[in-house]
Amino acid sequence: SLSYEKLVLEAGISLMDVIAKLTVNPAHVYN
């Protein structure tokens, strides 16, 4: 909820980029 509110709605970062940081990126770093 905070990621959506603060980063997507307020900061205008794309939803795709925000969700990447919550899903595929950490999965990649930790294999």
PDB file of all heavy atoms in Angstrom:
ATOM      1  N   SER A   1       0.829  -1.208   0.000  1.00  0.00           N
ATOM      2  CA  SER A   1       0.000   0.000   0.000  1.00  0.00           C
ATOM      3  C   SER A   1       0.860   1.252   0.000  1.00  0.00           C
ATOM      4  O   SER A   1       0.595   2.212  -0.747  1.00  0.00           O
ATOM      5  CB  SER A   1      -0.934   0.008   1.214  1.00  0.00           C
ATOM      6  OG  SER A   1      -1.872  -1.039   1.151  1.00  0.00           O
ATOM      7  N   LEU A   2       1.905   1.281   0.819  1.00  0.00           N
ATOM      8  CA  LEU A   2       2.783   2.449   0.881  1.00  0.00           C
ATOM      9  C   LEU A   2       3.553   2.633  -0.421  1.00  0.00           C
ATOM     10  O   LEU A   2       3.743   3.764  -0.887  1.00  0.00           O
ATOM     11  CB  LEU A   2       3.749   2.313   2.059  1.00  0.00           C
ATOM     12  CG  LEU A   2       3.118   2.424   3.446  1.00  0.00           C
ATOM     13  CD1 LEU A   2       4.125   2.034   4.522  1.00  0.00           C
ATOM     14  CD2 LEU A   2       2.590   3.837   3.697  1.00  0.00           C
ATOM     15  N   SER A   3       4.000   1.528  -1.009  1.00  0.00           N
ATOM     16  CA  SER A   3       4.723   1.615  -2.281  1.00  0.00           C
ATOM     17  C   SER A   3       3.820   2.187  -3.363  1.00  0.00           C
ATOM     18  O   SER A   3       4.250   3.032  -4.169  1.00  0.00           O
ATOM     19  CB  SER A   3       5.243   0.226  -2.693  1.00  0.00           C
ATOM     20  OG  SER A   3       6.162  -0.278  -1.749  1.00  0.00           O
ATOM     21  N   TYR A   4       2.581   1.747  -3.389  1.00  0.00           N
ATOM     22  CA  TYR A   4       1.639   2.242  -4.388  1.00  0.00           C
ATOM     23  C   TYR A   4       1.329   3.719  -4.155  1.00  0.00           C
ATOM     24  O   TYR A   4       1.355   4.542  -5.085  1.00  0.00           O
ATOM     25  CB  TYR A   4       0.361   1.404  -4.344  1.00  0.00           C
ATOM     26  CG  TYR A   4      -0.660   1.821  -5.374  1.00  0.00           C
ATOM     27  CD1 TYR A   4      -0.438   1.599  -6.736  1.00  0.00           C
ATOM     28  CD2 TYR A   4      -1.842   2.445  -4.985  1.00  0.00           C
ATOM     29  CE1 TYR A   4      -1.372   1.993  -7.688  1.00  0.00           C
ATOM     30  CE2 TYR A   4      -2.779   2.839  -5.926  1.00  0.00           C
ATOM     31  CZ  TYR A   4      -2.532   2.613  -7.273  1.00  0.00           C
ATOM     32  OH  TYR A   4      -3.459   3.014  -8.212  1.00  0.00           O
ATOM     33  N   GLU A   5       1.062   4.058  -2.907  1.00  0.00           N
ATOM     34  CA  GLU A   5       0.667   5.430  -2.586  1.00  0.00           C
ATOM     35  C   GLU A   5       1.817   6.420  -2.778  1.00  0.00           C
ATOM     36  O   GLU A   5       1.672   7.447  -3.459  1.00  0.00           O
ATOM     37  CB  GLU A   5       0.157   5.487  -1.143  1.00  0.00           C
ATOM     38  CG  GLU A   5      -0.240   6.875  -0.676  1.00  0.00           C
ATOM     39  CD  GLU A   5      -0.665   6.896   0.787  1.00  0.00           C
ATOM     40  OE1 GLU A   5      -1.147   5.853   1.279  1.00  0.00           O
ATOM     41  OE2 GLU A   5      -0.516   7.940   1.427  1.00  0.00           O
ATOM     42  N   LYS A   6       2.972   6.104  -2.177  1.00  0.00           N
ATOM     43  CA  LYS A   6       4.074   7.066  -2.153  1.00  0.00           C
ATOM     44  C   LYS A   6       4.881   7.103  -3.444  1.00  0.00           C
ATOM     45  O   LYS A   6       5.387   8.163  -3.837  1.00  0.00           O
ATOM     46  CB  LYS A   6       5.002   6.750  -0.975  1.00  0.00           C
ATOM     47  CG  LYS A   6       4.360   6.930   0.388  1.00  0.00           C
ATOM     48  CD  LYS A   6       3.980   8.389   0.631  1.00  0.00           C
ATOM     49  CE  LYS A   6       3.361   8.600   1.998  1.00  0.00           C
ATOM     50  NZ  LYS A   6       2.999  10.032   2.227  1.00  0.00           N
ATOM     51  N   LEU A   7       5.034   5.952  -4.086  1.00  0.00           N
ATOM     52  CA  LEU A   7       5.895   5.888  -5.267  1.00  0.00           C
ATOM     53  C   LEU A   7       5.125   6.016  -6.573  1.00  0.00           C
ATOM     54  O   LEU A   7       5.555   6.734  -7.482  1.00  0.00           O
ATOM     55  CB  LEU A   7       6.696   4.582  -5.258  1.00  0.00           C
ATOM     56  CG  LEU A   7       7.600   4.374  -4.042  1.00  0.00           C
ATOM     57  CD1 LEU A   7       8.335   3.034  -4.148  1.00  0.00           C
ATOM     58  CD2 LEU A   7       8.593   5.510  -3.869  1.00  0.00           C
ATOM     59  N   VAL A   8       3.998   5.324  -6.676  1.00  0.00           N
ATOM     60  CA  VAL A   8       3.237   5.360  -7.924  1.00  0.00           C
ATOM     61  C   VAL A   8       2.355   6.606  -7.989  1.00  0.00           C
ATOM     62  O   VAL A   8       2.467   7.418  -8.919  1.00  0.00           O
ATOM     63  CB  VAL A   8       2.389   4.081  -8.091  1.00  0.00           C
ATOM     64  CG1 VAL A   8       1.560   4.147  -9.374  1.00  0.00           C
ATOM     65  CG2 VAL A   8       3.289   2.851  -8.103  1.00  0.00           C
ATOM     66  N   LEU A   9       1.486   6.785  -6.999  1.00  0.00           N
ATOM     67  CA  LEU A   9       0.532   7.888  -7.048  1.00  0.00           C
ATOM     68  C   LEU A   9       1.191   9.243  -6.801  1.00  0.00           C
ATOM     69  O   LEU A   9       0.921  10.215  -7.525  1.00  0.00           O
ATOM     70  CB  LEU A   9      -0.589   7.654  -6.024  1.00  0.00           C
ATOM     71  CG  LEU A   9      -1.462   6.419  -6.240  1.00  0.00           C
ATOM     72  CD1 LEU A   9      -2.552   6.369  -5.188  1.00  0.00           C
ATOM     73  CD2 LEU A   9      -2.064   6.406  -7.640  1.00  0.00           C
ATOM     74  N   GLU A  10       2.048   9.330  -5.797  1.00  0.00           N
ATOM     75  CA  GLU A  10       2.629  10.624  -5.452  1.00  0.00           C
ATOM     76  C   GLU A  10       3.880  10.956  -6.265  1.00  0.00           C
ATOM     77  O   GLU A  10       4.025  12.080  -6.751  1.00  0.00           O
ATOM     78  CB  GLU A  10       2.939  10.687  -3.951  1.00  0.00           C
ATOM     79  CG  GLU A  10       1.709  10.657  -3.072  1.00  0.00           C
ATOM     80  CD  GLU A  10       2.031  10.818  -1.594  1.00  0.00           C
ATOM     81  OE1 GLU A  10       3.180  11.196  -1.251  1.00  0.00           O
ATOM     82  OE2 GLU A  10       1.129  10.567  -0.772  1.00  0.00           O
ATOM     83  N   ALA A  11       4.795  10.002  -6.404  1.00  0.00           N
ATOM     84  CA  ALA A  11       6.061  10.277  -7.089  1.00  0.00           C
ATOM     85  C   ALA A  11       5.994  10.044  -8.596  1.00  0.00           C
ATOM     86  O   ALA A  11       6.877  10.491  -9.327  1.00  0.00           O
ATOM     87  CB  ALA A  11       7.180   9.439  -6.476  1.00  0.00           C
ATOM     88  N   GLY A  12       4.980   9.340  -9.057  1.00  0.00           N
ATOM     89  CA  GLY A  12       4.813   9.118 -10.480  1.00  0.00           C
ATOM     90  C   GLY A  12       5.762   8.091 -11.081  1.00  0.00           C
ATOM     91  O   GLY A  12       5.970   8.063 -12.296  1.00  0.00           O
ATOM     92  N   ILE A  13       6.331   7.223 -10.254  1.00  0.00           N
ATOM     93  CA  ILE A  13       7.151   6.128 -10.768  1.00  0.00           C
ATOM     94  C   ILE A  13       6.217   5.084 -11.368  1.00  0.00           C
ATOM     95  O   ILE A  13       5.121   4.837 -10.850  1.00  0.00           O
ATOM     96  CB  ILE A  13       8.017   5.514  -9.648  1.00  0.00           C
ATOM     97  CG1 ILE A  13       8.921   6.592  -9.033  1.00  0.00           C
ATOM     98  CG2 ILE A  13       8.866   4.360 -10.182  1.00  0.00           C
ATOM     99  CD1 ILE A  13       9.726   6.111  -7.831  1.00  0.00           C
ATOM    100  N   SER A  14       6.623   4.472 -12.459  1.00  0.00           N
ATOM    101  CA  SER A  14       5.728   3.516 -13.117  1.00  0.00           C
ATOM    102  C   SER A  14       5.447   2.331 -12.201  1.00  0.00           C
ATOM    103  O   SER A  14       6.321   1.871 -11.461  1.00  0.00           O
ATOM    104  CB  SER A  14       6.331   3.025 -14.426  1.00  0.00           C
ATOM    105  OG  SER A  14       7.339   2.069 -14.204  1.00  0.00           O
ATOM    106  N   LEU A  15       4.222   1.844 -12.286  1.00  0.00           N
ATOM    107  CA  LEU A  15       3.841   0.682 -11.482  1.00  0.00           C
ATOM    108  C   LEU A  15       4.729  -0.506 -11.813  1.00  0.00           C
ATOM    109  O   LEU A  15       5.129  -1.261 -10.916  1.00  0.00           O
ATOM    110  CB  LEU A  15       2.374   0.335 -11.736  1.00  0.00           C
ATOM    111  CG  LEU A  15       1.817  -0.857 -10.962  1.00  0.00           C
ATOM    112  CD1 LEU A  15       1.830  -0.590  -9.469  1.00  0.00           C
ATOM    113  CD2 LEU A  15       0.394  -1.177 -11.441  1.00  0.00           C
ATOM    114  N   MET A  16       5.066  -0.688 -13.081  1.00  0.00           N
ATOM    115  CA  MET A  16       5.923  -1.800 -13.494  1.00  0.00           C
ATOM    116  C   MET A  16       7.260  -1.755 -12.757  1.00  0.00           C
ATOM    117  O   MET A  16       7.748  -2.778 -12.262  1.00  0.00           O
ATOM    118  CB  MET A  16       6.151  -1.756 -15.000  1.00  0.00           C
ATOM    119  CG  MET A  16       6.943  -2.927 -15.558  1.00  0.00           C
ATOM    120  SD  MET A  16       5.997  -4.477 -15.588  1.00  0.00           S
ATOM    121  CE  MET A  16       4.856  -4.158 -16.943  1.00  0.00           C
ATOM    122  N   ASP A  17       7.869  -0.568 -12.683  1.00  0.00           N
ATOM    123  CA  ASP A  17       9.171  -0.438 -12.019  1.00  0.00           C
ATOM    124  C   ASP A  17       9.069  -0.703 -10.519  1.00  0.00           C
ATOM    125  O   ASP A  17       9.959  -1.313  -9.927  1.00  0.00           O
ATOM    126  CB  ASP A  17       9.747   0.955 -12.262  1.00  0.00           C
ATOM    127  CG  ASP A  17      10.294   1.133 -13.660  1.00  0.00           C
ATOM    128  OD1 ASP A  17      10.416   0.128 -14.380  1.00  0.00           O
ATOM    129  OD2 ASP A  17      10.597   2.287 -14.034  1.00  0.00           O
ATOM    130  N   VAL A  18       8.001  -0.220  -9.915  1.00  0.00           N
ATOM    131  CA  VAL A  18       7.827  -0.434  -8.468  1.00  0.00           C
ATOM    132  C   VAL A  18       7.629  -1.912  -8.171  1.00  0.00           C
ATOM    133  O   VAL A  18       8.254  -2.466  -7.250  1.00  0.00           O
ATOM    134  CB  VAL A  18       6.645   0.408  -7.937  1.00  0.00           C
ATOM    135  CG1 VAL A  18       6.315   0.025  -6.493  1.00  0.00           C
ATOM    136  CG2 VAL A  18       6.970   1.899  -8.020  1.00  0.00           C
ATOM    137  N   ILE A  19       6.783  -2.583  -8.939  1.00  0.00           N
ATOM    138  CA  ILE A  19       6.533  -4.003  -8.696  1.00  0.00           C
ATOM    139  C   ILE A  19       7.784  -4.830  -8.975  1.00  0.00           C
ATOM    140  O   ILE A  19       8.038  -5.844  -8.302  1.00  0.00           O
ATOM    141  CB  ILE A  19       5.332  -4.492  -9.520  1.00  0.00           C
ATOM    142  CG1 ILE A  19       4.059  -3.735  -9.101  1.00  0.00           C
ATOM    143  CG2 ILE A  19       5.116  -5.991  -9.347  1.00  0.00           C
ATOM    144  CD1 ILE A  19       3.739  -3.813  -7.618  1.00  0.00           C
ATOM    145  N   ALA A  20       8.607  -4.426  -9.937  1.00  0.00           N
ATOM    146  CA  ALA A  20       9.873  -5.130 -10.177  1.00  0.00           C
ATOM    147  C   ALA A  20      10.731  -5.134  -8.927  1.00  0.00           C
ATOM    148  O   ALA A  20      11.365  -6.147  -8.591  1.00  0.00           O
ATOM    149  CB  ALA A  20      10.635  -4.465 -11.327  1.00  0.00           C
ATOM    150  N   LYS A  21      10.734  -4.032  -8.197  1.00  0.00           N
ATOM    151  CA  LYS A  21      11.559  -3.911  -6.994  1.00  0.00           C
ATOM    152  C   LYS A  21      11.001  -4.716  -5.827  1.00  0.00           C
ATOM    153  O   LYS A  21      11.694  -4.954  -4.838  1.00  0.00           O
ATOM    154  CB  LYS A  21      11.706  -2.434  -6.613  1.00  0.00           C
ATOM    155  CG  LYS A  21      12.523  -1.642  -7.628  1.00  0.00           C
ATOM    156  CD  LYS A  21      12.456  -0.141  -7.373  1.00  0.00           C
ATOM    157  CE  LYS A  21      13.390   0.614  -8.304  1.00  0.00           C
ATOM    158  NZ  LYS A  21      13.089   0.444  -9.729  1.00  0.00           N
ATOM    159  N   LEU A  22       9.757  -5.140  -5.965  1.00  0.00           N
ATOM    160  CA  LEU A  22       9.104  -5.955  -4.940  1.00  0.00           C
ATOM    161  C   LEU A  22       9.040  -7.434  -5.316  1.00  0.00           C
ATOM    162  O   LEU A  22       8.584  -8.251  -4.520  1.00  0.00           O
ATOM    163  CB  LEU A  22       7.679  -5.443  -4.704  1.00  0.00           C
ATOM    164  CG  LEU A  22       7.526  -4.125  -3.950  1.00  0.00           C
ATOM    165  CD1 LEU A  22       6.183  -3.482  -4.252  1.00  0.00           C
ATOM    166  CD2 LEU A  22       7.692  -4.335  -2.453  1.00  0.00           C
ATOM    167  N   THR A  23       9.476  -7.773  -6.533  1.00  0.00           N
ATOM    168  CA  THR A  23       9.300  -9.152  -7.002  1.00  0.00           C
ATOM    169  C   THR A  23      10.545  -9.714  -7.686  1.00  0.00           C
ATOM    170  O   THR A  23      11.391 -10.329  -7.058  1.00  0.00           O
ATOM    171  CB  THR A  23       8.078  -9.235  -7.948  1.00  0.00           C
ATOM    172  OG1 THR A  23       8.263  -8.327  -9.060  1.00  0.00           O
ATOM    173  CG2 THR A  23       6.789  -8.899  -7.245  1.00  0.00           C
ATOM    174  N   VAL A  24      10.663  -9.468  -8.973  1.00  0.00           N
ATOM    175  CA  VAL A  24      11.712 -10.118  -9.767  1.00  0.00           C
ATOM    176  C   VAL A  24      13.112  -9.658  -9.369  1.00  0.00           C
ATOM    177  O   VAL A  24      14.063 -10.451  -9.406  1.00  0.00           O
ATOM    178  CB  VAL A  24      11.452  -9.899 -11.281  1.00  0.00           C
ATOM    179  CG1 VAL A  24      11.615  -8.439 -11.679  1.00  0.00           C
ATOM    180  CG2 VAL A  24      12.366 -10.788 -12.118  1.00  0.00           C
ATOM    181  N   ASN A  25      13.279  -8.397  -8.957  1.00  0.00           N
ATOM    182  CA  ASN A  25      14.619  -7.927  -8.592  1.00  0.00           C
ATOM    183  C   ASN A  25      15.172  -8.638  -7.357  1.00  0.00           C
ATOM    184  O   ASN A  25      16.285  -9.174  -7.394  1.00  0.00           O
ATOM    185  CB  ASN A  25      14.628  -6.415  -8.393  1.00  0.00           C
ATOM    186  CG  ASN A  25      14.476  -5.639  -9.692  1.00  0.00           C
ATOM    187  OD1 ASN A  25      14.286  -6.232 -10.744  1.00  0.00           O
ATOM    188  ND2 ASN A  25      14.540  -4.327  -9.629  1.00  0.00           N
ATOM    189  N   PRO A  26      14.442  -8.644  -6.223  1.00  0.00           N
ATOM    190  CA  PRO A  26      14.970  -9.395  -5.080  1.00  0.00           C
ATOM    191  C   PRO A  26      15.132 -10.878  -5.363  1.00  0.00           C
ATOM    192  O   PRO A  26      16.070 -11.510  -4.879  1.00  0.00           O
ATOM    193  CB  PRO A  26      13.958  -9.129  -3.957  1.00  0.00           C
ATOM    194  CG  PRO A  26      12.732  -8.631  -4.632  1.00  0.00           C
ATOM    195  CD  PRO A  26      13.203  -7.923  -5.863  1.00  0.00           C
ATOM    196  N   ALA A  27      14.232 -11.448  -6.164  1.00  0.00           N
ATOM    197  CA  ALA A  27      14.368 -12.865  -6.527  1.00  0.00           C
ATOM    198  C   ALA A  27      15.668 -13.093  -7.293  1.00  0.00           C
ATOM    199  O   ALA A  27      16.360 -14.098  -7.086  1.00  0.00           O
ATOM    200  CB  ALA A  27      13.171 -13.305  -7.359  1.00  0.00           C
ATOM    201  N   HIS A  28      16.020 -12.173  -8.166  1.00  0.00           N
ATOM    202  CA  HIS A  28      17.257 -12.286  -8.947  1.00  0.00           C
ATOM    203  C   HIS A  28      18.487 -12.194  -8.048  1.00  0.00           C
ATOM    204  O   HIS A  28      19.415 -13.006  -8.159  1.00  0.00           O
ATOM    205  CB  HIS A  28      17.291 -11.201 -10.018  1.00  0.00           C
ATOM    206  CG  HIS A  28      18.608 -11.095 -10.718  1.00  0.00           C
ATOM    207  ND1 HIS A  28      19.055 -12.044 -11.619  1.00  0.00           N
ATOM    208  CD2 HIS A  28      19.597 -10.159 -10.633  1.00  0.00           C
ATOM    209  CE1 HIS A  28      20.253 -11.701 -12.060  1.00  0.00           C
ATOM    210  NE2 HIS A  28      20.601 -10.564 -11.481  1.00  0.00           N
ATOM    211  N   VAL A  29      18.511 -11.203  -7.161  1.00  0.00           N
ATOM    212  CA  VAL A  29      19.681 -11.003  -6.299  1.00  0.00           C
ATOM    213  C   VAL A  29      19.927 -12.224  -5.421  1.00  0.00           C
ATOM    214  O   VAL A  29      21.080 -12.635  -5.215  1.00  0.00           O
ATOM    215  CB  VAL A  29      19.501  -9.740  -5.432  1.00  0.00           C
ATOM    216  CG1 VAL A  29      20.644  -9.617  -4.408  1.00  0.00           C
ATOM    217  CG2 VAL A  29      19.457  -8.492  -6.311  1.00  0.00           C
ATOM    218  N   TYR A  30      18.851 -12.836  -4.919  1.00  0.00           N
ATOM    219  CA  TYR A  30      18.990 -13.959  -3.999  1.00  0.00           C
ATOM    220  C   TYR A  30      18.775 -15.321  -4.675  1.00  0.00           C
ATOM    221  O   TYR A  30      18.629 -16.334  -3.999  1.00  0.00           O
ATOM    222  CB  TYR A  30      18.041 -13.777  -2.805  1.00  0.00           C
ATOM    223  CG  TYR A  30      18.581 -12.714  -1.872  1.00  0.00           C
ATOM    224  CD1 TYR A  30      18.287 -11.370  -2.067  1.00  0.00           C
ATOM    225  CD2 TYR A  30      19.445 -13.039  -0.833  1.00  0.00           C
ATOM    226  CE1 TYR A  30      18.815 -10.382  -1.243  1.00  0.00           C
ATOM    227  CE2 TYR A  30      19.976 -12.073  -0.003  1.00  0.00           C
ATOM    228  CZ  TYR A  30      19.660 -10.748  -0.220  1.00  0.00           C
ATOM    229  OH  TYR A  30      20.197  -9.776   0.594  1.00  0.00           O
ATOM    230  N   ASN A  31      18.767 -15.318  -6.019  1.00  0.00           N
ATOM    231  CA  ASN A  31      18.715 -16.576  -6.783  1.00  0.00           C
ATOM    232  C   ASN A  31      17.509 -17.439  -6.432  1.00  0.00           C
ATOM    233  O   ASN A  31      17.613 -18.667  -6.277  1.00  0.00           O
ATOM    234  CB  ASN A  31      20.011 -17.383  -6.571  1.00  0.00           C
ATOM    235  CG  ASN A  31      21.254 -16.592  -6.904  1.00  0.00           C
ATOM    236  OD1 ASN A  31      21.437 -16.156  -8.036  1.00  0.00           O
ATOM    237  ND2 ASN A  31      22.107 -16.378  -5.909  1.00  0.00           N
TER     238      ASN A  31
END
